[in-house]
Amino acid sequence: RLGLMFQPTEEVSYYAAYGTSFNTSGDLYQFDPTSANTPPESSRNFEIGAKWELYDGDLSLRTALARTDKFNERNTDIDTATNSYLLSGKRHTDALEFEIAGRITPNWDVFAGVGFLRAVIDQSGSNPAGQAEVGQNPGLSPSRQANLWTTYRLDERWRIGGGLTAVSQNK
């Protein structure tokens, strides 16, 4: 991971971040013996954003633009020569996020956010069904998500809170 931050005033900060990761096969295919022969998937993320702290820290606003690329995505095509899954998939997600956090009273805080995402399959398996997925939205990838949370401080040691998260249909 690598990040840079620029803070021209006490109230405003801007940042840029970059990160990479390797995703092992210990998830969806963890009980499949072919996974032991399959190299990890990989991904990278770019993000730029800004944050504003207002009213002596009682109100915070943040926005960000992000792009995540996933490479070597595992699919169900099998390379019979190595008894491993082919890592031929690629997808990306572009995102725009807005967040607000505020202190309504000295004991009551509220947090909210909304995100707009566009996920696309860039490359898929070598079979006709895999090729038909190219350009489509990957499964379990909503186009919108939002959250709202609140906490209330009962005393110096106890706080109670709750909230909700909502996502659009996962096509």
C-alpha atoms as a PDB file:
ATOM      1  CA  ARG A   1       0.000   0.000   0.000  1.00  0.00           C
ATOM      2  CA  LEU A   2       1.073   3.520  -0.686  1.00  0.00           C
ATOM      3  CA  GLY A   3      -0.722   6.722   0.235  1.00  0.00           C
ATOM      4  CA  LEU A   4      -0.178  10.457   0.068  1.00  0.00           C
ATOM      5  CA  MET A   5      -2.054  13.121   1.978  1.00  0.00           C
ATOM      6  CA  PHE A   6      -2.081  16.888   1.512  1.00  0.00           C
ATOM      7  CA  GLN A   7      -3.663  19.062   4.214  1.00  0.00           C
ATOM      8  CA  PRO A   8      -3.708  22.735   3.137  1.00  0.00           C
ATOM      9  CA  THR A   9      -5.731  23.783   6.209  1.00  0.00           C
ATOM     10  CA  GLU A  10      -6.797  22.197   9.490  1.00  0.00           C
ATOM     11  CA  GLU A  11     -10.283  21.628   8.081  1.00  0.00           C
ATOM     12  CA  VAL A  12      -9.444  20.165   4.648  1.00  0.00           C
ATOM     13  CA  SER A  13      -7.361  17.202   3.546  1.00  0.00           C
ATOM     14  CA  TYR A  14      -6.876  15.478   0.205  1.00  0.00           C
ATOM     15  CA  TYR A  15      -5.454  12.010  -0.325  1.00  0.00           C
ATOM     16  CA  ALA A  16      -4.429   9.510  -2.970  1.00  0.00           C
ATOM     17  CA  ALA A  17      -3.885   5.820  -2.288  1.00  0.00           C
ATOM     18  CA  TYR A  18      -2.723   2.750  -4.173  1.00  0.00           C
ATOM     19  CA  GLY A  19      -2.743  -0.858  -3.013  1.00  0.00           C
ATOM     20  CA  THR A  20      -2.341  -4.380  -4.323  1.00  0.00           C
ATOM     21  CA  SER A  21      -3.331  -7.755  -2.915  1.00  0.00           C
ATOM     22  CA  PHE A  22      -3.142 -11.452  -3.600  1.00  0.00           C
ATOM     23  CA  ASN A  23      -6.251 -13.483  -2.942  1.00  0.00           C
ATOM     24  CA  THR A  24      -5.638 -17.133  -2.155  1.00  0.00           C
ATOM     25  CA  SER A  25      -8.100 -19.856  -2.981  1.00  0.00           C
ATOM     26  CA  GLY A  26      -9.285 -20.359   0.617  1.00  0.00           C
ATOM     27  CA  ASP A  27     -12.768 -19.058  -0.074  1.00  0.00           C
ATOM     28  CA  LEU A  28     -15.228 -20.300  -2.687  1.00  0.00           C
ATOM     29  CA  TYR A  29     -13.190 -23.331  -3.755  1.00  0.00           C
ATOM     30  CA  GLN A  30     -11.612 -24.182  -0.399  1.00  0.00           C
ATOM     31  CA  PHE A  31     -12.805 -27.785  -0.362  1.00  0.00           C
ATOM     32  CA  ASP A  32     -11.923 -28.434  -3.990  1.00  0.00           C
ATOM     33  CA  PRO A  33      -8.634 -30.360  -4.460  1.00  0.00           C
ATOM     34  CA  THR A  34      -7.949 -28.516  -7.727  1.00  0.00           C
ATOM     35  CA  SER A  35      -7.549 -25.284  -5.733  1.00  0.00           C
ATOM     36  CA  ALA A  36      -4.291 -26.528  -4.204  1.00  0.00           C
ATOM     37  CA  ASN A  37      -2.701 -26.293  -7.656  1.00  0.00           C
ATOM     38  CA  THR A  38      -4.168 -22.889  -8.526  1.00  0.00           C
ATOM     39  CA  PRO A  39      -2.086 -19.707  -8.047  1.00  0.00           C
ATOM     40  CA  PRO A  40      -3.687 -16.756  -6.210  1.00  0.00           C
ATOM     41  CA  GLU A  41      -5.844 -14.128  -7.808  1.00  0.00           C
ATOM     42  CA  SER A  42      -4.582 -10.551  -7.591  1.00  0.00           C
ATOM     43  CA  SER A  43      -6.071  -7.081  -7.468  1.00  0.00           C
ATOM     44  CA  ARG A  44      -5.084  -3.426  -7.320  1.00  0.00           C
ATOM     45  CA  ASN A  45      -6.918  -0.373  -6.077  1.00  0.00           C
ATOM     46  CA  PHE A  46      -6.540   3.352  -6.802  1.00  0.00           C
ATOM     47  CA  GLU A  47      -8.417   5.933  -4.732  1.00  0.00           C
ATOM     48  CA  ILE A  48      -8.474   9.730  -4.489  1.00  0.00           C
ATOM     49  CA  GLY A  49     -10.554  11.646  -2.013  1.00  0.00           C
ATOM     50  CA  ALA A  50     -11.136  14.681   0.139  1.00  0.00           C
ATOM     51  CA  LYS A  51     -12.299  15.227   3.696  1.00  0.00           C
ATOM     52  CA  TRP A  52     -13.643  18.318   5.429  1.00  0.00           C
ATOM     53  CA  GLU A  53     -13.774  18.707   9.226  1.00  0.00           C
ATOM     54  CA  LEU A  54     -16.228  21.475  10.158  1.00  0.00           C
ATOM     55  CA  TYR A  55     -17.673  23.018  13.337  1.00  0.00           C
ATOM     56  CA  ASP A  56     -14.689  22.066  15.500  1.00  0.00           C
ATOM     57  CA  GLY A  57     -14.927  18.411  14.414  1.00  0.00           C
ATOM     58  CA  ASP A  58     -18.674  18.057  15.024  1.00  0.00           C
ATOM     59  CA  LEU A  59     -19.314  17.605  11.278  1.00  0.00           C
ATOM     60  CA  SER A  60     -17.179  15.610   8.863  1.00  0.00           C
ATOM     61  CA  LEU A  61     -17.728  15.248   5.108  1.00  0.00           C
ATOM     62  CA  ARG A  62     -15.806  12.886   2.821  1.00  0.00           C
ATOM     63  CA  THR A  63     -15.917  11.987  -0.857  1.00  0.00           C
ATOM     64  CA  ALA A  64     -13.815   9.600  -2.897  1.00  0.00           C
ATOM     65  CA  LEU A  65     -13.370   8.156  -6.368  1.00  0.00           C
ATOM     66  CA  ALA A  66     -11.951   4.640  -6.607  1.00  0.00           C
ATOM     67  CA  ARG A  67     -11.095   1.953  -9.139  1.00  0.00           C
ATOM     68  CA  THR A  68     -10.403  -1.674  -8.325  1.00  0.00           C
ATOM     69  CA  ASP A  69      -9.058  -4.095 -10.927  1.00  0.00           C
ATOM     70  CA  LYS A  70      -9.089  -7.832 -10.275  1.00  0.00           C
ATOM     71  CA  PHE A  71      -6.706  -9.986 -12.318  1.00  0.00           C
ATOM     72  CA  ASN A  72      -6.258 -13.723 -12.693  1.00  0.00           C
ATOM     73  CA  GLU A  73      -9.798 -14.253 -11.581  1.00  0.00           C
ATOM     74  CA  ARG A  74     -10.554 -17.881 -10.889  1.00  0.00           C
ATOM     75  CA  ASN A  75     -13.152 -19.528 -13.074  1.00  0.00           C
ATOM     76  CA  THR A  76     -14.382 -23.064 -13.498  1.00  0.00           C
ATOM     77  CA  ASP A  77     -12.354 -23.862 -16.643  1.00  0.00           C
ATOM     78  CA  ILE A  78      -9.755 -26.494 -15.720  1.00  0.00           C
ATOM     79  CA  ASP A  79      -6.247 -26.742 -17.152  1.00  0.00           C
ATOM     80  CA  THR A  80      -5.997 -30.536 -17.396  1.00  0.00           C
ATOM     81  CA  ALA A  81      -2.205 -30.440 -17.848  1.00  0.00           C
ATOM     82  CA  THR A  82      -1.673 -28.952 -14.353  1.00  0.00           C
ATOM     83  CA  ASN A  83      -4.963 -29.994 -12.683  1.00  0.00           C
ATOM     84  CA  SER A  84      -5.634 -26.370 -11.685  1.00  0.00           C
ATOM     85  CA  TYR A  85      -8.254 -23.762 -12.427  1.00  0.00           C
ATOM     86  CA  LEU A  86      -7.503 -21.356 -15.241  1.00  0.00           C
ATOM     87  CA  LEU A  87      -6.944 -17.795 -14.046  1.00  0.00           C
ATOM     88  CA  SER A  88      -8.317 -16.102 -17.124  1.00  0.00           C
ATOM     89  CA  GLY A  89     -10.860 -13.727 -15.652  1.00  0.00           C
ATOM     90  CA  LYS A  90     -10.536  -9.980 -15.217  1.00  0.00           C
ATOM     91  CA  ARG A  91     -13.003  -7.417 -13.874  1.00  0.00           C
ATOM     92  CA  HIS A  92     -12.998  -3.859 -12.643  1.00  0.00           C
ATOM     93  CA  THR A  93     -15.187  -1.708 -10.409  1.00  0.00           C
ATOM     94  CA  ASP A  94     -15.415   2.085 -10.469  1.00  0.00           C
ATOM     95  CA  ALA A  95     -16.873   3.764  -7.383  1.00  0.00           C
ATOM     96  CA  LEU A  96     -17.980   7.174  -6.133  1.00  0.00           C
ATOM     97  CA  GLU A  97     -18.590   7.550  -2.384  1.00  0.00           C
ATOM     98  CA  PHE A  98     -20.024  10.253  -0.131  1.00  0.00           C
ATOM     99  CA  GLU A  99     -19.960  10.137   3.678  1.00  0.00           C
ATOM    100  CA  ILE A 100     -21.145  12.400   6.453  1.00  0.00           C
ATOM    101  CA  ALA A 101     -20.565  12.064  10.185  1.00  0.00           C
ATOM    102  CA  GLY A 102     -21.855  14.424  12.811  1.00  0.00           C
ATOM    103  CA  ARG A 103     -22.324  14.997  16.494  1.00  0.00           C
ATOM    104  CA  ILE A 104     -25.895  16.126  17.138  1.00  0.00           C
ATOM    105  CA  THR A 105     -25.387  16.501  20.896  1.00  0.00           C
ATOM    106  CA  PRO A 106     -22.295  15.831  23.031  1.00  0.00           C
ATOM    107  CA  ASN A 107     -23.535  12.230  23.484  1.00  0.00           C
ATOM    108  CA  TRP A 108     -25.247  11.503  20.131  1.00  0.00           C
ATOM    109  CA  ASP A 109     -23.313  10.731  16.896  1.00  0.00           C
ATOM    110  CA  VAL A 110     -24.703   9.909  13.445  1.00  0.00           C
ATOM    111  CA  PHE A 111     -22.840   8.411  10.466  1.00  0.00           C
ATOM    112  CA  ALA A 112     -24.177   8.012   6.912  1.00  0.00           C
ATOM    113  CA  GLY A 113     -22.804   7.138   3.516  1.00  0.00           C
ATOM    114  CA  VAL A 114     -23.793   6.341  -0.026  1.00  0.00           C
ATOM    115  CA  GLY A 115     -21.784   4.673  -2.765  1.00  0.00           C
ATOM    116  CA  PHE A 116     -22.338   4.296  -6.489  1.00  0.00           C
ATOM    117  CA  LEU A 117     -20.523   1.379  -8.114  1.00  0.00           C
ATOM    118  CA  ARG A 118     -20.101   0.153 -11.663  1.00  0.00           C
ATOM    119  CA  ALA A 119     -18.630  -3.337 -11.911  1.00  0.00           C
ATOM    120  CA  VAL A 120     -17.829  -4.918 -15.287  1.00  0.00           C
ATOM    121  CA  ILE A 121     -16.476  -8.307 -16.342  1.00  0.00           C
ATOM    122  CA  ASP A 122     -13.598  -7.533 -18.735  1.00  0.00           C
ATOM    123  CA  GLN A 123     -12.462 -11.075 -19.500  1.00  0.00           C
ATOM    124  CA  SER A 124     -13.912 -14.456 -18.629  1.00  0.00           C
ATOM    125  CA  GLY A 125     -13.414 -18.156 -19.309  1.00  0.00           C
ATOM    126  CA  SER A 126     -12.607 -19.599 -22.689  1.00  0.00           C
ATOM    127  CA  ASN A 127     -15.938 -21.371 -23.160  1.00  0.00           C
ATOM    128  CA  PRO A 128     -18.931 -19.706 -24.898  1.00  0.00           C
ATOM    129  CA  ALA A 129     -20.778 -19.158 -21.593  1.00  0.00           C
ATOM    130  CA  GLY A 130     -17.746 -17.365 -20.156  1.00  0.00           C
ATOM    131  CA  GLN A 131     -17.343 -15.202 -23.256  1.00  0.00           C
ATOM    132  CA  ALA A 132     -21.018 -14.189 -23.017  1.00  0.00           C
ATOM    133  CA  GLU A 133     -20.301 -12.671 -19.564  1.00  0.00           C
ATOM    134  CA  VAL A 134     -17.837 -10.090 -20.919  1.00  0.00           C
ATOM    135  CA  GLY A 135     -19.261  -6.589 -20.465  1.00  0.00           C
ATOM    136  CA  GLN A 136     -21.811  -7.756 -17.877  1.00  0.00           C
ATOM    137  CA  ASN A 137     -22.136  -6.849 -14.207  1.00  0.00           C
ATOM    138  CA  PRO A 138     -20.569  -9.572 -12.010  1.00  0.00           C
ATOM    139  CA  GLY A 139     -22.854 -11.368  -9.584  1.00  0.00           C
ATOM    140  CA  LEU A 140     -23.116  -9.971  -6.059  1.00  0.00           C
ATOM    141  CA  SER A 141     -22.015  -6.515  -7.253  1.00  0.00           C
ATOM    142  CA  PRO A 142     -24.642  -3.872  -6.412  1.00  0.00           C
ATOM    143  CA  SER A 143     -24.745  -0.573  -8.279  1.00  0.00           C
ATOM    144  CA  ARG A 144     -25.699   1.404  -5.155  1.00  0.00           C
ATOM    145  CA  GLN A 145     -25.227   0.995  -1.439  1.00  0.00           C
ATOM    146  CA  ALA A 146     -26.015   3.159   1.566  1.00  0.00           C
ATOM    147  CA  ASN A 147     -25.677   3.045   5.325  1.00  0.00           C
ATOM    148  CA  LEU A 148     -26.934   4.950   8.342  1.00  0.00           C
ATOM    149  CA  TRP A 149     -25.629   4.378  11.879  1.00  0.00           C
ATOM    150  CA  THR A 150     -26.063   6.180  15.155  1.00  0.00           C
ATOM    151  CA  THR A 151     -24.576   5.843  18.623  1.00  0.00           C
ATOM    152  CA  TYR A 152     -25.505   7.370  21.951  1.00  0.00           C
ATOM    153  CA  ARG A 153     -23.077   7.602  24.866  1.00  0.00           C
ATOM    154  CA  LEU A 154     -24.855   6.529  28.058  1.00  0.00           C
ATOM    155  CA  ASP A 155     -21.875   7.364  30.308  1.00  0.00           C
ATOM    156  CA  GLU A 156     -18.070   7.288  30.189  1.00  0.00           C
ATOM    157  CA  ARG A 157     -17.957   3.494  29.731  1.00  0.00           C
ATOM    158  CA  TRP A 158     -21.136   2.608  27.843  1.00  0.00           C
ATOM    159  CA  ARG A 159     -22.431   3.485  24.401  1.00  0.00           C
ATOM    160  CA  ILE A 160     -25.426   2.063  22.542  1.00  0.00           C
ATOM    161  CA  GLY A 161     -25.911   2.179  18.808  1.00  0.00           C
ATOM    162  CA  GLY A 162     -27.467   0.691  15.742  1.00  0.00           C
ATOM    163  CA  GLY A 163     -27.982   1.192  12.086  1.00  0.00           C
ATOM    164  CA  LEU A 164     -28.745  -0.245   8.719  1.00  0.00           C
ATOM    165  CA  THR A 165     -27.061  -0.973   5.440  1.00  0.00           C
ATOM    166  CA  ALA A 166     -28.944  -1.156   2.162  1.00  0.00           C
ATOM    167  CA  VAL A 167     -27.779  -2.324  -1.262  1.00  0.00           C
ATOM    168  CA  SER A 168     -29.426  -2.256  -4.640  1.00  0.00           C
ATOM    169  CA  GLN A 169     -30.353  -5.439  -6.423  1.00  0.00           C
ATOM    170  CA  ASN A 170     -27.378  -7.685  -7.169  1.00  0.00           C
ATOM    171  CA  LYS A 171     -27.957  -8.557 -10.804  1.00  0.00           C
END
